[in-house]
Structures are given as C-alpha cells and as structure tokens.
C-alpha atoms as a PDB file:
ATOM      1  CA  MET A   1      -5.003 -10.343 -17.823  1.00  0.00           C
ATOM      2  CA  ILE A   2      -5.189  -9.183 -14.070  1.00  0.00           C
ATOM      3  CA  LYS A   3      -8.324 -11.085 -13.764  1.00  0.00           C
ATOM      4  CA  GLU A   4      -6.438 -14.298 -14.854  1.00  0.00           C
ATOM      5  CA  ILE A   5      -3.621 -13.720 -12.494  1.00  0.00           C
ATOM      6  CA  TYR A   6      -6.195 -13.182  -9.819  1.00  0.00           C
ATOM      7  CA  GLU A   7      -8.103 -16.466 -10.640  1.00  0.00           C
ATOM      8  CA  HIS A   8      -4.361 -18.276 -10.682  1.00  0.00           C
ATOM      9  CA  LEU A   9      -3.869 -16.975  -7.228  1.00  0.00           C
ATOM     10  CA  VAL A  10      -7.273 -18.043  -5.578  1.00  0.00           C
ATOM     11  CA  SER A  11      -7.071 -21.585  -7.213  1.00  0.00           C
ATOM     12  CA  ASP A  12      -3.157 -22.049  -6.495  1.00  0.00           C
ATOM     13  CA  GLY A  13      -3.578 -20.696  -3.059  1.00  0.00           C
ATOM     14  CA  GLU A  14      -6.327 -23.312  -2.179  1.00  0.00           C
ATOM     15  CA  THR A  15      -4.326 -26.239  -3.113  1.00  0.00           C
ATOM     16  CA  ALA A  16      -0.998 -24.796  -1.474  1.00  0.00           C
ATOM     17  CA  LEU A  17      -2.686 -23.628   1.584  1.00  0.00           C
ATOM     18  CA  GLY A  18      -5.414 -26.386   2.130  1.00  0.00           C
ATOM     19  CA  VAL A  19      -8.165 -23.978   2.939  1.00  0.00           C
ATOM     20  CA  SER A  20     -10.796 -22.261   1.086  1.00  0.00           C
ATOM     21  CA  VAL A  21      -9.678 -19.004  -0.600  1.00  0.00           C
ATOM     22  CA  LYS A  22     -12.370 -16.457  -0.784  1.00  0.00           C
ATOM     23  CA  LYS A  23     -12.409 -13.810  -3.505  1.00  0.00           C
ATOM     24  CA  GLY A  24     -12.101 -10.326  -2.033  1.00  0.00           C
ATOM     25  CA  PHE A  25     -12.087  -9.487   1.688  1.00  0.00           C
ATOM     26  CA  PRO A  26     -14.660 -11.565   3.699  1.00  0.00           C
ATOM     27  CA  ASP A  27     -17.725  -9.916   5.222  1.00  0.00           C
ATOM     28  CA  PHE A  28     -17.661 -11.625   8.859  1.00  0.00           C
ATOM     29  CA  THR A  29     -20.864  -9.324   9.642  1.00  0.00           C
ATOM     30  CA  ARG A  30     -22.830 -11.924   7.535  1.00  0.00           C
ATOM     31  CA  THR A  31     -23.913 -15.356   8.789  1.00  0.00           C
ATOM     32  CA  ASP A  32     -22.679 -17.309   6.002  1.00  0.00           C
ATOM     33  CA  LEU A  33     -19.201 -16.716   7.665  1.00  0.00           C
ATOM     34  CA  PRO A  34     -19.237 -18.248  11.136  1.00  0.00           C
ATOM     35  CA  LEU A  35     -16.493 -18.759  13.213  1.00  0.00           C
ATOM     36  CA  SER A  36     -16.642 -22.560  12.259  1.00  0.00           C
ATOM     37  CA  ALA A  37     -16.136 -21.677   8.596  1.00  0.00           C
ATOM     38  CA  LEU A  38     -12.086 -20.797   9.758  1.00  0.00           C
ATOM     39  CA  PRO A  39      -9.641 -21.257   8.634  1.00  0.00           C
ATOM     40  CA  ILE A  40      -9.718 -19.472   5.292  1.00  0.00           C
ATOM     41  CA  ALA A  41      -7.707 -17.443   3.159  1.00  0.00           C
ATOM     42  CA  ALA A  42      -8.819 -14.456   0.907  1.00  0.00           C
ATOM     43  CA  VAL A  43      -7.288 -12.665  -2.005  1.00  0.00           C
ATOM     44  CA  GLU A  44      -7.858  -9.100  -2.988  1.00  0.00           C
ATOM     45  CA  LEU A  45      -6.426  -6.614  -5.696  1.00  0.00           C
ATOM     46  CA  ALA A  46      -4.817  -3.889  -3.730  1.00  0.00           C
ATOM     47  CA  ALA A  47      -2.880  -1.831  -6.370  1.00  0.00           C
ATOM     48  CA  GLY A  48      -1.370  -1.751  -9.988  1.00  0.00           C
ATOM     49  CA  THR A  49       1.155  -0.250 -12.295  1.00  0.00           C
ATOM     50  CA  PRO A  50       0.083   0.379 -16.062  1.00  0.00           C
ATOM     51  CA  GLY A  51       2.730  -0.568 -18.687  1.00  0.00           C
ATOM     52  CA  ARG A  52       5.133   2.147 -19.415  1.00  0.00           C
ATOM     53  CA  HIS A  53       5.578   3.498 -22.920  1.00  0.00           C
ATOM     54  CA  ASN A  54       9.138   2.194 -24.379  1.00  0.00           C
ATOM     55  CA  ARG A  55      11.101   3.761 -27.182  1.00  0.00           C
ATOM     56  CA  ILE A  56      12.189   1.374 -30.097  1.00  0.00           C
ATOM     57  CA  GLY A  57      14.531  -0.838 -28.968  1.00  0.00           C
ATOM     58  CA  SER A  58      14.172  -0.858 -25.301  1.00  0.00           C
ATOM     59  CA  PRO A  59      12.769  -3.662 -23.612  1.00  0.00           C
ATOM     60  CA  GLN A  60       8.981  -4.493 -23.801  1.00  0.00           C
ATOM     61  CA  ALA A  61       6.671  -2.612 -21.354  1.00  0.00           C
ATOM     62  CA  GLN A  62       5.860  -4.325 -17.936  1.00  0.00           C
ATOM     63  CA  GLN A  63       2.579  -4.024 -15.973  1.00  0.00           C
ATOM     64  CA  ALA A  64       2.344  -4.865 -12.332  1.00  0.00           C
ATOM     65  CA  ALA A  65      -0.393  -5.512 -10.052  1.00  0.00           C
ATOM     66  CA  LEU A  66      -0.117  -5.953  -6.129  1.00  0.00           C
ATOM     67  CA  PHE A  67      -2.413  -8.771  -4.636  1.00  0.00           C
ATOM     68  CA  ARG A  68      -3.179  -8.964  -0.734  1.00  0.00           C
ATOM     69  CA  VAL A  69      -3.375 -12.575   0.410  1.00  0.00           C
ATOM     70  CA  TYR A  70      -5.268 -12.748   3.784  1.00  0.00           C
ATOM     71  CA  ILE A  71      -5.157 -15.942   6.328  1.00  0.00           C
ATOM     72  CA  PHE A  72      -7.823 -16.006   9.027  1.00  0.00           C
ATOM     73  CA  ALA A  73      -7.451 -18.873  11.830  1.00  0.00           C
ATOM     74  CA  ARG A  74      -9.527 -19.977  14.831  1.00  0.00           C
ATOM     75  CA  HIS A  75      -6.466 -19.521  17.200  1.00  0.00           C
ATOM     76  CA  GLU A  76      -2.925 -18.620  17.108  1.00  0.00           C
ATOM     77  CA  PRO A  77      -1.160 -22.106  16.922  1.00  0.00           C
ATOM     78  CA  GLU A  78      -3.238 -22.475  13.586  1.00  0.00           C
ATOM     79  CA  LEU A  79      -2.332 -19.041  12.309  1.00  0.00           C
ATOM     80  CA  CYS A  80       1.140 -19.931  12.940  1.00  0.00           C
ATOM     81  CA  GLU A  81       0.751 -23.027  10.599  1.00  0.00           C
ATOM     82  CA  LEU A  82      -1.107 -21.148   8.035  1.00  0.00           C
ATOM     83  CA  LEU A  83       1.366 -18.310   8.033  1.00  0.00           C
ATOM     84  CA  GLU A  84       4.341 -20.947   7.419  1.00  0.00           C
ATOM     85  CA  SER A  85       2.230 -22.515   4.567  1.00  0.00           C
ATOM     86  CA  LEU A  86       1.589 -18.692   3.443  1.00  0.00           C
ATOM     87  CA  ALA A  87       5.046 -17.674   3.204  1.00  0.00           C
ATOM     88  CA  ASN A  88       6.395 -21.148   1.786  1.00  0.00           C
ATOM     89  CA  TRP A  89       3.640 -20.772  -1.091  1.00  0.00           C
ATOM     90  CA  THR A  90       4.251 -17.055  -1.908  1.00  0.00           C
ATOM     91  CA  ALA A  91       8.147 -17.632  -1.732  1.00  0.00           C
ATOM     92  CA  ASN A  92       7.694 -20.366  -4.240  1.00  0.00           C
ATOM     93  CA  LEU A  93       5.408 -18.805  -6.778  1.00  0.00           C
ATOM     94  CA  GLY A  94       8.272 -17.867  -8.912  1.00  0.00           C
ATOM     95  CA  ARG A  95       7.374 -17.642 -12.638  1.00  0.00           C
ATOM     96  CA  VAL A  96       4.289 -19.236 -14.047  1.00  0.00           C
ATOM     97  CA  VAL A  97       2.659 -18.855 -17.503  1.00  0.00           C
ATOM     98  CA  VAL A  98      -0.622 -17.340 -17.197  1.00  0.00           C
ATOM     99  CA  ASN A  99      -2.948 -16.743 -20.297  1.00  0.00           C
ATOM    100  CA  SER A 100       0.189 -17.577 -22.499  1.00  0.00           C
ATOM    101  CA  ARG A 101       2.229 -14.775 -20.946  1.00  0.00           C
ATOM    102  CA  GLN A 102       5.131 -15.023 -18.242  1.00  0.00           C
ATOM    103  CA  VAL A 103       4.342 -13.604 -14.767  1.00  0.00           C
ATOM    104  CA  ALA A 104       6.876 -13.093 -11.977  1.00  0.00           C
ATOM    105  CA  PHE A 105       5.498 -13.028  -8.554  1.00  0.00           C
ATOM    106  CA  GLN A 106       7.471 -11.563  -5.449  1.00  0.00           C
ATOM    107  CA  GLN A 107       6.436 -11.574  -2.302  1.00  0.00           C
ATOM    108  CA  GLN A 108       6.723  -8.359  -0.149  1.00  0.00           C
ATOM    109  CA  ASP A 109       5.671  -7.465   3.300  1.00  0.00           C
ATOM    110  CA  TRP A 110       3.269  -9.183   5.615  1.00  0.00           C
ATOM    111  CA  GLN A 111       1.845  -7.985   8.853  1.00  0.00           C
ATOM    112  CA  ARG A 112      -0.716  -8.791  11.154  1.00  0.00           C
ATOM    113  CA  HIS A 113      -4.261  -7.777  10.267  1.00  0.00           C
ATOM    114  CA  GLN A 114      -6.213  -4.997  12.298  1.00  0.00           C
ATOM    115  CA  PRO A 115      -9.608  -6.305  12.660  1.00  0.00           C
ATOM    116  CA  VAL A 116     -12.124  -3.995  10.927  1.00  0.00           C
ATOM    117  CA  THR A 117     -14.987  -5.422  12.653  1.00  0.00           C
ATOM    118  CA  ASN A 118     -15.164  -7.051  16.239  1.00  0.00           C
ATOM    119  CA  ALA A 119     -15.808 -10.233  14.628  1.00  0.00           C
ATOM    120  CA  GLN A 120     -14.041 -13.278  16.521  1.00  0.00           C
ATOM    121  CA  GLN A 121     -13.139 -14.357  12.888  1.00  0.00           C
ATOM    122  CA  GLU A 122     -10.828 -11.440  12.599  1.00  0.00           C
ATOM    123  CA  MET A 123      -8.809 -11.880  15.571  1.00  0.00           C
ATOM    124  CA  HIS A 124      -5.897 -14.318  14.356  1.00  0.00           C
ATOM    125  CA  ALA A 125      -5.319 -12.865  10.988  1.00  0.00           C
ATOM    126  CA  PHE A 126      -2.186 -12.095   8.852  1.00  0.00           C
ATOM    127  CA  TRP A 127      -1.960 -10.531   5.349  1.00  0.00           C
ATOM    128  CA  ILE A 128       0.954 -10.636   2.631  1.00  0.00           C
ATOM    129  CA  ASN A 129       1.324  -8.470  -0.137  1.00  0.00           C
ATOM    130  CA  VAL A 130       2.060 -10.491  -3.625  1.00  0.00           C
ATOM    131  CA  GLN A 131       3.425  -8.554  -6.543  1.00  0.00           C
ATOM    132  CA  ALA A 132       2.850  -9.805 -10.214  1.00  0.00           C
ATOM    133  CA  THR A 133       4.604  -8.640 -12.959  1.00  0.00           C
ATOM    134  CA  TRP A 134       4.122  -9.342 -16.939  1.00  0.00           C
END
C-alpha cells in the first residue's frame, strides 16, 4: 500500500506542480541532472507507523506514512511560485482512493532545504512533509 500511495503522489504531483517529479532525493552530482533540468520536484518516504492492534469493537487499525516532497528551482522568484503551487496541492489532497482504500493526506511542516552538496541545483529549494493515513 505504501508503494501505491507513493506512486499516487508522484503522478499527482507532476500534474499539480507542472514539473517532473523524481522518485527519491535527486543526485545532483550526476551529470544527468544539470541546472537546466530545473525546476523539478522529488518525493521520498520519510517515516511510517505500523497499524495498531485493536480490541473487538474498536475502530479499525490505521497505518501512516510520512512523505517528504521537495521542490528545486533555478532562482528565488521561481521557488516562490513553486512553493505556492506545492502548498495548494498538498492542502487540497484531502482524501483519495488508492488501491480500493481511503487514504487521507495532511500537510505538515515545510522548511527551506539545507544543501547537502555545493551543487547550484540545491540552492533554491524547499520541502514539505505530507502524512498519509489509511
């Protein structure tokens, strides 16, 4: 189920953000992700909570997964535009059906990305946590 939710976020993100969405954090040291490849987004699995055992008569157990969605831009004005699109998209995810199960999405904190490398592609970036429960 986690993989199906992940795939949903990637495909829905491409439509909502209008940019290519990479699976996992991009490797900016590779030559196939030049500065000209920006703007892009990326989705990675950040954390998860297994379903809890419930007693008879109690509500169905829920599972949760936390996904981190990154956006990478060429400059600050583009970053601001992408951030607005990202915030709108994640705020409107709401509930969807994935693999015949109801999945609820909730956006959590967002922060400026602190570069991991000295690559120019990482200089204008943000991330937001999106929690999925089912």
